[in-house]
Amino acid sequence: WILITGFLLVTKPSSIFIKTIISIWSPENQ
């Protein structure tokens, strides 16, 4: 349970978290 939760955490949930955090600087047009 510890391993599966940890590995799952660094997949899509982390991607969404990172995208949300850096969206204020996102140079989408470029």
PDB file of all heavy atoms in Angstrom:
ATOM      1  N   TRP A   1       0.820  -1.203   0.000  1.00  0.00           N
ATOM      2  CA  TRP A   1       0.000   0.000   0.000  1.00  0.00           C
ATOM      3  C   TRP A   1       0.859   1.260   0.000  1.00  0.00           C
ATOM      4  O   TRP A   1       0.530   2.246  -0.660  1.00  0.00           O
ATOM      5  CB  TRP A   1      -0.947  -0.001   1.211  1.00  0.00           C
ATOM      6  CG  TRP A   1      -2.014  -1.023   1.078  1.00  0.00           C
ATOM      7  CD1 TRP A   1      -2.177  -2.161   1.803  1.00  0.00           C
ATOM      8  CD2 TRP A   1      -3.076  -1.026   0.117  1.00  0.00           C
ATOM      9  NE1 TRP A   1      -3.262  -2.869   1.368  1.00  0.00           N
ATOM     10  CE2 TRP A   1      -3.838  -2.195   0.329  1.00  0.00           C
ATOM     11  CE3 TRP A   1      -3.463  -0.163  -0.908  1.00  0.00           C
ATOM     12  CZ2 TRP A   1      -4.963  -2.516  -0.421  1.00  0.00           C
ATOM     13  CZ3 TRP A   1      -4.583  -0.487  -1.665  1.00  0.00           C
ATOM     14  CH2 TRP A   1      -5.318  -1.644  -1.416  1.00  0.00           C
ATOM     15  N   ILE A   2       1.970   1.226   0.729  1.00  0.00           N
ATOM     16  CA  ILE A   2       2.870   2.386   0.751  1.00  0.00           C
ATOM     17  C   ILE A   2       3.483   2.605  -0.625  1.00  0.00           C
ATOM     18  O   ILE A   2       3.519   3.726  -1.150  1.00  0.00           O
ATOM     19  CB  ILE A   2       3.977   2.186   1.807  1.00  0.00           C
ATOM     20  CG1 ILE A   2       3.369   2.206   3.216  1.00  0.00           C
ATOM     21  CG2 ILE A   2       5.050   3.276   1.676  1.00  0.00           C
ATOM     22  CD1 ILE A   2       4.346   1.848   4.309  1.00  0.00           C
ATOM     23  N   LEU A   3       3.959   1.538  -1.247  1.00  0.00           N
ATOM     24  CA  LEU A   3       4.610   1.649  -2.552  1.00  0.00           C
ATOM     25  C   LEU A   3       3.636   2.061  -3.645  1.00  0.00           C
ATOM     26  O   LEU A   3       3.930   2.952  -4.453  1.00  0.00           O
ATOM     27  CB  LEU A   3       5.277   0.313  -2.918  1.00  0.00           C
ATOM     28  CG  LEU A   3       6.514  -0.062  -2.107  1.00  0.00           C
ATOM     29  CD1 LEU A   3       6.935  -1.491  -2.404  1.00  0.00           C
ATOM     30  CD2 LEU A   3       7.655   0.902  -2.403  1.00  0.00           C
ATOM     31  N   ILE A   4       2.467   1.429  -3.693  1.00  0.00           N
ATOM     32  CA  ILE A   4       1.519   1.713  -4.760  1.00  0.00           C
ATOM     33  C   ILE A   4       1.000   3.147  -4.658  1.00  0.00           C
ATOM     34  O   ILE A   4       0.816   3.839  -5.665  1.00  0.00           O
ATOM     35  CB  ILE A   4       0.333   0.705  -4.748  1.00  0.00           C
ATOM     36  CG1 ILE A   4      -0.418   0.752  -6.083  1.00  0.00           C
ATOM     37  CG2 ILE A   4      -0.606   0.953  -3.599  1.00  0.00           C
ATOM     38  CD1 ILE A   4       0.358   0.254  -7.252  1.00  0.00           C
ATOM     39  N   THR A   5       0.807   3.625  -3.413  1.00  0.00           N
ATOM     40  CA  THR A   5       0.344   5.006  -3.222  1.00  0.00           C
ATOM     41  C   THR A   5       1.424   6.000  -3.634  1.00  0.00           C
ATOM     42  O   THR A   5       1.151   6.996  -4.312  1.00  0.00           O
ATOM     43  CB  THR A   5      -0.051   5.247  -1.754  1.00  0.00           C
ATOM     44  OG1 THR A   5      -1.064   4.317  -1.384  1.00  0.00           O
ATOM     45  CG2 THR A   5      -0.578   6.667  -1.570  1.00  0.00           C
ATOM     46  N   GLY A   6       2.659   5.717  -3.245  1.00  0.00           N
ATOM     47  CA  GLY A   6       3.764   6.607  -3.592  1.00  0.00           C
ATOM     48  C   GLY A   6       4.000   6.691  -5.085  1.00  0.00           C
ATOM     49  O   GLY A   6       4.138   7.791  -5.641  1.00  0.00           O
ATOM     50  N   PHE A   7       4.036   5.545  -5.747  1.00  0.00           N
ATOM     51  CA  PHE A   7       4.265   5.541  -7.194  1.00  0.00           C
ATOM     52  C   PHE A   7       3.101   6.182  -7.944  1.00  0.00           C
ATOM     53  O   PHE A   7       3.299   6.873  -8.950  1.00  0.00           O
ATOM     54  CB  PHE A   7       4.494   4.108  -7.696  1.00  0.00           C
ATOM     55  CG  PHE A   7       5.893   3.621  -7.470  1.00  0.00           C
ATOM     56  CD1 PHE A   7       6.173   2.673  -6.508  1.00  0.00           C
ATOM     57  CD2 PHE A   7       6.949   4.116  -8.234  1.00  0.00           C
ATOM     58  CE1 PHE A   7       7.470   2.229  -6.294  1.00  0.00           C
ATOM     59  CE2 PHE A   7       8.245   3.683  -8.031  1.00  0.00           C
ATOM     60  CZ  PHE A   7       8.515   2.733  -7.057  1.00  0.00           C
ATOM     61  N   LEU A   8       1.883   5.951  -7.468  1.00  0.00           N
ATOM     62  CA  LEU A   8       0.722   6.575  -8.108  1.00  0.00           C
ATOM     63  C   LEU A   8       0.761   8.090  -7.937  1.00  0.00           C
ATOM     64  O   LEU A   8       0.410   8.848  -8.849  1.00  0.00           O
ATOM     65  CB  LEU A   8      -0.564   6.012  -7.510  1.00  0.00           C
ATOM     66  CG  LEU A   8      -1.878   6.537  -8.111  1.00  0.00           C
ATOM     67  CD1 LEU A   8      -1.973   6.153  -9.583  1.00  0.00           C
ATOM     68  CD2 LEU A   8      -3.075   5.993  -7.349  1.00  0.00           C
ATOM     69  N   LEU A   9       1.240   8.546  -6.780  1.00  0.00           N
ATOM     70  CA  LEU A   9       1.287   9.975  -6.485  1.00  0.00           C
ATOM     71  C   LEU A   9       2.176  10.741  -7.461  1.00  0.00           C
ATOM     72  O   LEU A   9       1.873  11.885  -7.809  1.00  0.00           O
ATOM     73  CB  LEU A   9       1.779  10.191  -5.056  1.00  0.00           C
ATOM     74  CG  LEU A   9       1.888  11.637  -4.559  1.00  0.00           C
ATOM     75  CD1 LEU A   9       0.528  12.338  -4.633  1.00  0.00           C
ATOM     76  CD2 LEU A   9       2.420  11.672  -3.136  1.00  0.00           C
ATOM     77  N   VAL A  10       3.256  10.110  -7.923  1.00  0.00           N
ATOM     78  CA  VAL A  10       4.186  10.829  -8.804  1.00  0.00           C
ATOM     79  C   VAL A  10       3.807  10.716 -10.284  1.00  0.00           C
ATOM     80  O   VAL A  10       4.550  11.174 -11.145  1.00  0.00           O
ATOM     81  CB  VAL A  10       5.640  10.336  -8.613  1.00  0.00           C
ATOM     82  CG1 VAL A  10       6.119  10.620  -7.214  1.00  0.00           C
ATOM     83  CG2 VAL A  10       5.783   8.854  -8.944  1.00  0.00           C
ATOM     84  N   THR A  11       2.655  10.132 -10.579  1.00  0.00           N
ATOM     85  CA  THR A  11       2.210  10.050 -11.972  1.00  0.00           C
ATOM     86  C   THR A  11       1.285  11.221 -12.295  1.00  0.00           C
ATOM     87  O   THR A  11       1.695  12.370 -12.211  1.00  0.00           O
ATOM     88  CB  THR A  11       1.535   8.700 -12.248  1.00  0.00           C
ATOM     89  OG1 THR A  11       0.427   8.504 -11.332  1.00  0.00           O
ATOM     90  CG2 THR A  11       2.521   7.547 -12.056  1.00  0.00           C
ATOM     91  N   LYS A  12       0.061  10.953 -12.649  1.00  0.00           N
ATOM     92  CA  LYS A  12      -0.847  12.015 -13.090  1.00  0.00           C
ATOM     93  C   LYS A  12      -1.161  13.052 -12.013  1.00  0.00           C
ATOM     94  O   LYS A  12      -1.236  14.250 -12.317  1.00  0.00           O
ATOM     95  CB  LYS A  12      -2.140  11.404 -13.634  1.00  0.00           C
ATOM     96  CG  LYS A  12      -3.037  12.430 -14.330  1.00  0.00           C
ATOM     97  CD  LYS A  12      -4.212  11.766 -15.012  1.00  0.00           C
ATOM     98  CE  LYS A  12      -5.073  12.804 -15.726  1.00  0.00           C
ATOM     99  NZ  LYS A  12      -6.231  12.188 -16.424  1.00  0.00           N
ATOM    100  N   PRO A  13      -1.366  12.654 -10.733  1.00  0.00           N
ATOM    101  CA  PRO A  13      -1.631  13.684  -9.722  1.00  0.00           C
ATOM    102  C   PRO A  13      -0.532  14.744  -9.647  1.00  0.00           C
ATOM    103  O   PRO A  13      -0.834  15.938  -9.535  1.00  0.00           O
ATOM    104  CB  PRO A  13      -1.712  12.868  -8.417  1.00  0.00           C
ATOM    105  CG  PRO A  13      -2.177  11.531  -8.855  1.00  0.00           C
ATOM    106  CD  PRO A  13      -1.504  11.300 -10.183  1.00  0.00           C
ATOM    107  N   SER A  14       0.721  14.308  -9.721  1.00  0.00           N
ATOM    108  CA  SER A  14       1.827  15.274  -9.683  1.00  0.00           C
ATOM    109  C   SER A  14       1.840  16.140 -10.939  1.00  0.00           C
ATOM    110  O   SER A  14       2.150  17.341 -10.871  1.00  0.00           O
ATOM    111  CB  SER A  14       3.160  14.538  -9.547  1.00  0.00           C
ATOM    112  OG  SER A  14       3.283  13.936  -8.279  1.00  0.00           O
ATOM    113  N   SER A  15       1.516  15.551 -12.081  1.00  0.00           N
ATOM    114  CA  SER A  15       1.473  16.321 -13.325  1.00  0.00           C
ATOM    115  C   SER A  15       0.440  17.437 -13.234  1.00  0.00           C
ATOM    116  O   SER A  15       0.698  18.582 -13.645  1.00  0.00           O
ATOM    117  CB  SER A  15       1.143  15.402 -14.505  1.00  0.00           C
ATOM    118  OG  SER A  15       2.150  14.437 -14.704  1.00  0.00           O
ATOM    119  N   ILE A  16      -0.731  17.113 -12.694  1.00  0.00           N
ATOM    120  CA  ILE A  16      -1.784  18.116 -12.542  1.00  0.00           C
ATOM    121  C   ILE A  16      -1.357  19.191 -11.553  1.00  0.00           C
ATOM    122  O   ILE A  16      -1.572  20.394 -11.772  1.00  0.00           O
ATOM    123  CB  ILE A  16      -3.092  17.448 -12.090  1.00  0.00           C
ATOM    124  CG1 ILE A  16      -3.599  16.492 -13.179  1.00  0.00           C
ATOM    125  CG2 ILE A  16      -4.153  18.493 -11.751  1.00  0.00           C
ATOM    126  CD1 ILE A  16      -4.803  15.677 -12.769  1.00  0.00           C
ATOM    127  N   PHE A  17      -0.724  18.775 -10.453  1.00  0.00           N
ATOM    128  CA  PHE A  17      -0.264  19.720  -9.442  1.00  0.00           C
ATOM    129  C   PHE A  17       0.763  20.686 -10.023  1.00  0.00           C
ATOM    130  O   PHE A  17       0.666  21.912  -9.836  1.00  0.00           O
ATOM    131  CB  PHE A  17       0.345  18.951  -8.267  1.00  0.00           C
ATOM    132  CG  PHE A  17       0.941  19.835  -7.206  1.00  0.00           C
ATOM    133  CD1 PHE A  17       0.140  20.478  -6.277  1.00  0.00           C
ATOM    134  CD2 PHE A  17       2.314  20.028  -7.139  1.00  0.00           C
ATOM    135  CE1 PHE A  17       0.691  21.306  -5.302  1.00  0.00           C
ATOM    136  CE2 PHE A  17       2.877  20.846  -6.177  1.00  0.00           C
ATOM    137  CZ  PHE A  17       2.066  21.489  -5.247  1.00  0.00           C
ATOM    138  N   ILE A  18       1.735  20.146 -10.760  1.00  0.00           N
ATOM    139  CA  ILE A  18       2.779  20.984 -11.360  1.00  0.00           C
ATOM    140  C   ILE A  18       2.179  21.941 -12.381  1.00  0.00           C
ATOM    141  O   ILE A  18       2.515  23.135 -12.407  1.00  0.00           O
ATOM    142  CB  ILE A  18       3.858  20.101 -12.019  1.00  0.00           C
ATOM    143  CG1 ILE A  18       4.593  19.290 -10.958  1.00  0.00           C
ATOM    144  CG2 ILE A  18       4.857  20.950 -12.801  1.00  0.00           C
ATOM    145  CD1 ILE A  18       5.481  18.204 -11.532  1.00  0.00           C
ATOM    146  N   LYS A  19       1.291  21.430 -13.211  1.00  0.00           N
ATOM    147  CA  LYS A  19       0.657  22.272 -14.226  1.00  0.00           C
ATOM    148  C   LYS A  19      -0.120  23.420 -13.599  1.00  0.00           C
ATOM    149  O   LYS A  19      -0.098  24.556 -14.094  1.00  0.00           O
ATOM    150  CB  LYS A  19      -0.273  21.424 -15.098  1.00  0.00           C
ATOM    151  CG  LYS A  19      -0.908  22.193 -16.246  1.00  0.00           C
ATOM    152  CD  LYS A  19      -1.770  21.273 -17.101  1.00  0.00           C
ATOM    153  CE  LYS A  19      -2.410  22.049 -18.243  1.00  0.00           C
ATOM    154  NZ  LYS A  19      -3.276  21.161 -19.091  1.00  0.00           N
ATOM    155  N   THR A  20      -0.797  23.123 -12.482  1.00  0.00           N
ATOM    156  CA  THR A  20      -1.571  24.154 -11.792  1.00  0.00           C
ATOM    157  C   THR A  20      -0.661  25.216 -11.188  1.00  0.00           C
ATOM    158  O   THR A  20      -0.936  26.417 -11.288  1.00  0.00           O
ATOM    159  CB  THR A  20      -2.425  23.519 -10.680  1.00  0.00           C
ATOM    160  OG1 THR A  20      -3.289  22.527 -11.251  1.00  0.00           O
ATOM    161  CG2 THR A  20      -3.266  24.572  -9.973  1.00  0.00           C
ATOM    162  N   ILE A  21       0.433  24.771 -10.586  1.00  0.00           N
ATOM    163  CA  ILE A  21       1.353  25.689  -9.924  1.00  0.00           C
ATOM    164  C   ILE A  21       2.012  26.643 -10.917  1.00  0.00           C
ATOM    165  O   ILE A  21       2.108  27.854 -10.692  1.00  0.00           O
ATOM    166  CB  ILE A  21       2.429  24.924  -9.135  1.00  0.00           C
ATOM    167  CG1 ILE A  21       1.800  24.192  -7.949  1.00  0.00           C
ATOM    168  CG2 ILE A  21       3.531  25.869  -8.649  1.00  0.00           C
ATOM    169  CD1 ILE A  21       1.150  25.090  -6.922  1.00  0.00           C
ATOM    170  N   ILE A  22       2.485  26.101 -12.045  1.00  0.00           N
ATOM    171  CA  ILE A  22       3.254  26.932 -12.979  1.00  0.00           C
ATOM    172  C   ILE A  22       2.382  27.577 -14.052  1.00  0.00           C
ATOM    173  O   ILE A  22       2.900  28.254 -14.949  1.00  0.00           O
ATOM    174  CB  ILE A  22       4.376  26.105 -13.651  1.00  0.00           C
ATOM    175  CG1 ILE A  22       3.785  25.002 -14.535  1.00  0.00           C
ATOM    176  CG2 ILE A  22       5.302  25.511 -12.616  1.00  0.00           C
ATOM    177  CD1 ILE A  22       4.838  24.207 -15.290  1.00  0.00           C
ATOM    178  N   SER A  23       1.059  27.390 -13.964  1.00  0.00           N
ATOM    179  CA  SER A  23       0.170  27.950 -14.994  1.00  0.00           C
ATOM    180  C   SER A  23       0.200  29.478 -15.014  1.00  0.00           C
ATOM    181  O   SER A  23      -0.089  30.094 -16.041  1.00  0.00           O
ATOM    182  CB  SER A  23      -1.259  27.456 -14.774  1.00  0.00           C
ATOM    183  OG  SER A  23      -1.752  27.882 -13.508  1.00  0.00           O
ATOM    184  N   ILE A  24       0.548  30.080 -13.880  1.00  0.00           N
ATOM    185  CA  ILE A  24       0.579  31.549 -13.836  1.00  0.00           C
ATOM    186  C   ILE A  24       1.710  32.116 -14.690  1.00  0.00           C
ATOM    187  O   ILE A  24       1.692  33.281 -15.069  1.00  0.00           O
ATOM    188  CB  ILE A  24       0.728  32.061 -12.388  1.00  0.00           C
ATOM    189  CG1 ILE A  24       2.006  31.484 -11.750  1.00  0.00           C
ATOM    190  CG2 ILE A  24      -0.494  31.712 -11.565  1.00  0.00           C
ATOM    191  CD1 ILE A  24       2.287  32.054 -10.368  1.00  0.00           C
ATOM    192  N   TRP A  25       2.706  31.261 -15.014  1.00  0.00           N
ATOM    193  CA  TRP A  25       3.813  31.713 -15.854  1.00  0.00           C
ATOM    194  C   TRP A  25       3.750  31.107 -17.251  1.00  0.00           C
ATOM    195  O   TRP A  25       4.630  31.331 -18.068  1.00  0.00           O
ATOM    196  CB  TRP A  25       5.158  31.326 -15.235  1.00  0.00           C
ATOM    197  CG  TRP A  25       5.372  31.889 -13.870  1.00  0.00           C
ATOM    198  CD1 TRP A  25       5.421  33.201 -13.512  1.00  0.00           C
ATOM    199  CD2 TRP A  25       5.566  31.146 -12.662  1.00  0.00           C
ATOM    200  NE1 TRP A  25       5.639  33.331 -12.169  1.00  0.00           N
ATOM    201  CE2 TRP A  25       5.734  32.083 -11.608  1.00  0.00           C
ATOM    202  CE3 TRP A  25       5.618  29.786 -12.346  1.00  0.00           C
ATOM    203  CZ2 TRP A  25       5.955  31.714 -10.290  1.00  0.00           C
ATOM    204  CZ3 TRP A  25       5.841  29.400 -11.039  1.00  0.00           C
ATOM    205  CH2 TRP A  25       5.996  30.358 -10.027  1.00  0.00           C
ATOM    206  N   SER A  26       2.737  30.273 -17.515  1.00  0.00           N
ATOM    207  CA  SER A  26       2.701  29.489 -18.752  1.00  0.00           C
ATOM    208  C   SER A  26       2.683  30.370 -20.001  1.00  0.00           C
ATOM    209  O   SER A  26       1.703  31.086 -20.242  1.00  0.00           O
ATOM    210  CB  SER A  26       1.469  28.581 -18.759  1.00  0.00           C
ATOM    211  OG  SER A  26       1.408  27.849 -19.955  1.00  0.00           O
ATOM    212  N   PRO A  27       3.736  30.285 -20.808  1.00  0.00           N
ATOM    213  CA  PRO A  27       3.760  31.040 -22.072  1.00  0.00           C
ATOM    214  C   PRO A  27       3.058  30.254 -23.168  1.00  0.00           C
ATOM    215  O   PRO A  27       3.670  29.742 -24.099  1.00  0.00           O
ATOM    216  CB  PRO A  27       5.259  31.181 -22.355  1.00  0.00           C
ATOM    217  CG  PRO A  27       5.852  29.949 -21.751  1.00  0.00           C
ATOM    218  CD  PRO A  27       5.002  29.594 -20.562  1.00  0.00           C
ATOM    219  N   GLU A  28       1.726  30.100 -23.023  1.00  0.00           N
ATOM    220  CA  GLU A  28       0.965  29.210 -23.898  1.00  0.00           C
ATOM    221  C   GLU A  28       1.068  29.600 -25.372  1.00  0.00           C
ATOM    222  O   GLU A  28       1.142  28.758 -26.251  1.00  0.00           O
ATOM    223  CB  GLU A  28      -0.500  29.167 -23.455  1.00  0.00           C
ATOM    224  CG  GLU A  28      -0.682  28.546 -22.071  1.00  0.00           C
ATOM    225  CD  GLU A  28      -2.141  28.506 -21.675  1.00  0.00           C
ATOM    226  OE1 GLU A  28      -2.967  29.016 -22.468  1.00  0.00           O
ATOM    227  OE2 GLU A  28      -2.460  27.973 -20.609  1.00  0.00           O
ATOM    228  N   ASN A  29       1.079  30.901 -25.649  1.00  0.00           N
ATOM    229  CA  ASN A  29       1.157  31.323 -27.046  1.00  0.00           C
ATOM    230  C   ASN A  29       2.468  30.905 -27.690  1.00  0.00           C
ATOM    231  O   ASN A  29       2.508  30.389 -28.801  1.00  0.00           O
ATOM    232  CB  ASN A  29       1.011  32.850 -27.122  1.00  0.00           C
ATOM    233  CG  ASN A  29      -0.373  33.314 -26.716  1.00  0.00           C
ATOM    234  OD1 ASN A  29      -1.337  32.568 -26.859  1.00  0.00           O
ATOM    235  ND2 ASN A  29      -0.465  34.532 -26.216  1.00  0.00           N
ATOM    236  N   GLN A  30       3.579  31.092 -26.940  1.00  0.00           N
ATOM    237  CA  GLN A  30       4.880  30.698 -27.474  1.00  0.00           C
ATOM    238  C   GLN A  30       4.959  29.201 -27.681  1.00  0.00           C
ATOM    239  O   GLN A  30       5.497  28.708 -28.666  1.00  0.00           O
ATOM    240  CB  GLN A  30       6.004  31.147 -26.533  1.00  0.00           C
ATOM    241  CG  GLN A  30       6.193  32.647 -26.469  1.00  0.00           C
ATOM    242  CD  GLN A  30       5.390  33.259 -25.324  1.00  0.00           C
ATOM    243  OE1 GLN A  30       4.294  32.807 -25.011  1.00  0.00           O
ATOM    244  NE2 GLN A  30       5.937  34.301 -24.732  1.00  0.00           N
TER     245      GLN A  30
END
